[in-house]
């Protein structure tokens, strides 16, 4: 895991952070992690697996359909391109 040092944080911000952490029953460090995670990984982000699952459900794709596709799929490695 990476470690981060925050320099020149105002006393007011530090106090507010400690209050917020106490309200959430966690340490100031845990509160900072939660704030950073929420900022860079928002709830509304597109989750590819979820999106694909929803599309499959919308169109009635079943596990049997997927198994049938797996049976007929070509598992041989692709031939490399030739530039002649």
C-alpha atoms as a PDB file:
ATOM      1  CA  UNK A   1       0.000   0.000   0.000  1.00  0.00           C
ATOM      2  CA  UNK A   2       1.125   3.504  -0.742  1.00  0.00           C
ATOM      3  CA  UNK A   3       1.683   6.069   1.992  1.00  0.00           C
ATOM      4  CA  UNK A   4       0.779   9.735   1.562  1.00  0.00           C
ATOM      5  CA  UNK A   5       1.968  12.735   3.522  1.00  0.00           C
ATOM      6  CA  UNK A   6      -0.153  15.877   3.523  1.00  0.00           C
ATOM      7  CA  UNK A   7       1.820  19.021   4.283  1.00  0.00           C
ATOM      8  CA  UNK A   8       0.606  22.484   5.223  1.00  0.00           C
ATOM      9  CA  UNK A   9      -2.903  21.399   6.242  1.00  0.00           C
ATOM     10  CA  UNK A  10      -4.516  24.252   8.154  1.00  0.00           C
ATOM     11  CA  UNK A  11      -5.362  23.744  11.815  1.00  0.00           C
ATOM     12  CA  UNK A  12      -9.025  24.415  10.995  1.00  0.00           C
ATOM     13  CA  UNK A  13      -9.090  21.680   8.357  1.00  0.00           C
ATOM     14  CA  UNK A  14      -7.310  19.269  10.695  1.00  0.00           C
ATOM     15  CA  UNK A  15      -9.787  19.982  13.504  1.00  0.00           C
ATOM     16  CA  UNK A  16     -12.741  19.572  11.118  1.00  0.00           C
ATOM     17  CA  UNK A  17     -11.286  16.287   9.902  1.00  0.00           C
ATOM     18  CA  UNK A  18     -11.000  14.989  13.467  1.00  0.00           C
ATOM     19  CA  UNK A  19     -14.601  16.008  14.194  1.00  0.00           C
ATOM     20  CA  UNK A  20     -15.823  14.314  11.019  1.00  0.00           C
ATOM     21  CA  UNK A  21     -13.854  11.181  11.885  1.00  0.00           C
ATOM     22  CA  UNK A  22     -15.370  11.087  15.360  1.00  0.00           C
ATOM     23  CA  UNK A  23     -18.868  11.426  13.867  1.00  0.00           C
ATOM     24  CA  UNK A  24     -18.156   8.350  11.729  1.00  0.00           C
ATOM     25  CA  UNK A  25     -16.538   6.449  14.640  1.00  0.00           C
ATOM     26  CA  UNK A  26     -13.153   6.119  12.954  1.00  0.00           C
ATOM     27  CA  UNK A  27      -9.668   7.510  13.217  1.00  0.00           C
ATOM     28  CA  UNK A  28      -8.594  10.648  11.355  1.00  0.00           C
ATOM     29  CA  UNK A  29      -6.412   8.452   9.138  1.00  0.00           C
ATOM     30  CA  UNK A  30      -9.335   6.148   8.307  1.00  0.00           C
ATOM     31  CA  UNK A  31     -11.491   9.200   7.596  1.00  0.00           C
ATOM     32  CA  UNK A  32      -8.878  10.564   5.178  1.00  0.00           C
ATOM     33  CA  UNK A  33      -8.789   7.214   3.376  1.00  0.00           C
ATOM     34  CA  UNK A  34     -12.591   7.206   3.091  1.00  0.00           C
ATOM     35  CA  UNK A  35     -12.629  10.773   1.743  1.00  0.00           C
ATOM     36  CA  UNK A  36      -9.954  10.007  -0.853  1.00  0.00           C
ATOM     37  CA  UNK A  37     -11.628   6.747  -1.933  1.00  0.00           C
ATOM     38  CA  UNK A  38     -14.969   8.522  -2.371  1.00  0.00           C
ATOM     39  CA  UNK A  39     -13.314  11.293  -4.382  1.00  0.00           C
ATOM     40  CA  UNK A  40     -11.477   9.067  -6.838  1.00  0.00           C
ATOM     41  CA  UNK A  41     -13.915   6.145  -6.976  1.00  0.00           C
ATOM     42  CA  UNK A  42     -17.401   7.693  -6.983  1.00  0.00           C
ATOM     43  CA  UNK A  43     -20.504   5.555  -6.474  1.00  0.00           C
ATOM     44  CA  UNK A  44     -21.934   6.459  -9.879  1.00  0.00           C
ATOM     45  CA  UNK A  45     -18.980   5.198 -11.895  1.00  0.00           C
ATOM     46  CA  UNK A  46     -19.578   2.717 -14.671  1.00  0.00           C
ATOM     47  CA  UNK A  47     -18.873  -0.821 -13.548  1.00  0.00           C
ATOM     48  CA  UNK A  48     -18.321  -2.895 -16.679  1.00  0.00           C
ATOM     49  CA  UNK A  49     -19.338  -6.252 -15.203  1.00  0.00           C
ATOM     50  CA  UNK A  50     -22.556  -4.830 -13.791  1.00  0.00           C
ATOM     51  CA  UNK A  51     -23.371  -3.079 -17.076  1.00  0.00           C
ATOM     52  CA  UNK A  52     -22.850  -6.277 -19.081  1.00  0.00           C
ATOM     53  CA  UNK A  53     -24.956  -8.272 -16.633  1.00  0.00           C
ATOM     54  CA  UNK A  54     -27.790  -5.745 -16.881  1.00  0.00           C
ATOM     55  CA  UNK A  55     -27.677  -5.884 -20.698  1.00  0.00           C
ATOM     56  CA  UNK A  56     -27.851  -9.678 -20.589  1.00  0.00           C
ATOM     57  CA  UNK A  57     -30.797  -9.613 -18.201  1.00  0.00           C
ATOM     58  CA  UNK A  58     -32.592  -6.996 -20.302  1.00  0.00           C
ATOM     59  CA  UNK A  59     -32.316  -9.208 -23.393  1.00  0.00           C
ATOM     60  CA  UNK A  60     -33.085 -12.479 -21.618  1.00  0.00           C
ATOM     61  CA  UNK A  61     -29.643 -14.075 -21.965  1.00  0.00           C
ATOM     62  CA  UNK A  62     -29.479 -17.167 -19.763  1.00  0.00           C
ATOM     63  CA  UNK A  63     -26.638 -19.263 -18.439  1.00  0.00           C
ATOM     64  CA  UNK A  64     -27.619 -21.922 -20.994  1.00  0.00           C
ATOM     65  CA  UNK A  65     -27.097 -19.386 -23.788  1.00  0.00           C
ATOM     66  CA  UNK A  66     -23.621 -18.563 -22.497  1.00  0.00           C
ATOM     67  CA  UNK A  67     -22.716 -22.245 -22.169  1.00  0.00           C
ATOM     68  CA  UNK A  68     -23.842 -22.840 -25.782  1.00  0.00           C
ATOM     69  CA  UNK A  69     -21.621 -19.988 -26.974  1.00  0.00           C
ATOM     70  CA  UNK A  70     -18.665 -21.377 -25.020  1.00  0.00           C
ATOM     71  CA  UNK A  71     -19.141 -24.779 -26.652  1.00  0.00           C
ATOM     72  CA  UNK A  72     -18.930 -23.420 -30.188  1.00  0.00           C
ATOM     73  CA  UNK A  73     -16.222 -20.823 -29.600  1.00  0.00           C
ATOM     74  CA  UNK A  74     -12.887 -21.353 -31.291  1.00  0.00           C
ATOM     75  CA  UNK A  75     -10.231 -21.640 -28.581  1.00  0.00           C
ATOM     76  CA  UNK A  76      -7.268 -21.906 -30.934  1.00  0.00           C
ATOM     77  CA  UNK A  77      -4.785 -19.041 -30.758  1.00  0.00           C
ATOM     78  CA  UNK A  78      -5.252 -16.428 -33.433  1.00  0.00           C
ATOM     79  CA  UNK A  79      -2.889 -16.463 -36.392  1.00  0.00           C
ATOM     80  CA  UNK A  80      -0.489 -13.529 -36.308  1.00  0.00           C
ATOM     81  CA  UNK A  81      -0.883 -10.867 -38.975  1.00  0.00           C
ATOM     82  CA  UNK A  82       1.469 -11.055 -41.940  1.00  0.00           C
ATOM     83  CA  UNK A  83       2.877  -7.983 -43.590  1.00  0.00           C
ATOM     84  CA  UNK A  84       4.126  -9.165 -46.942  1.00  0.00           C
END
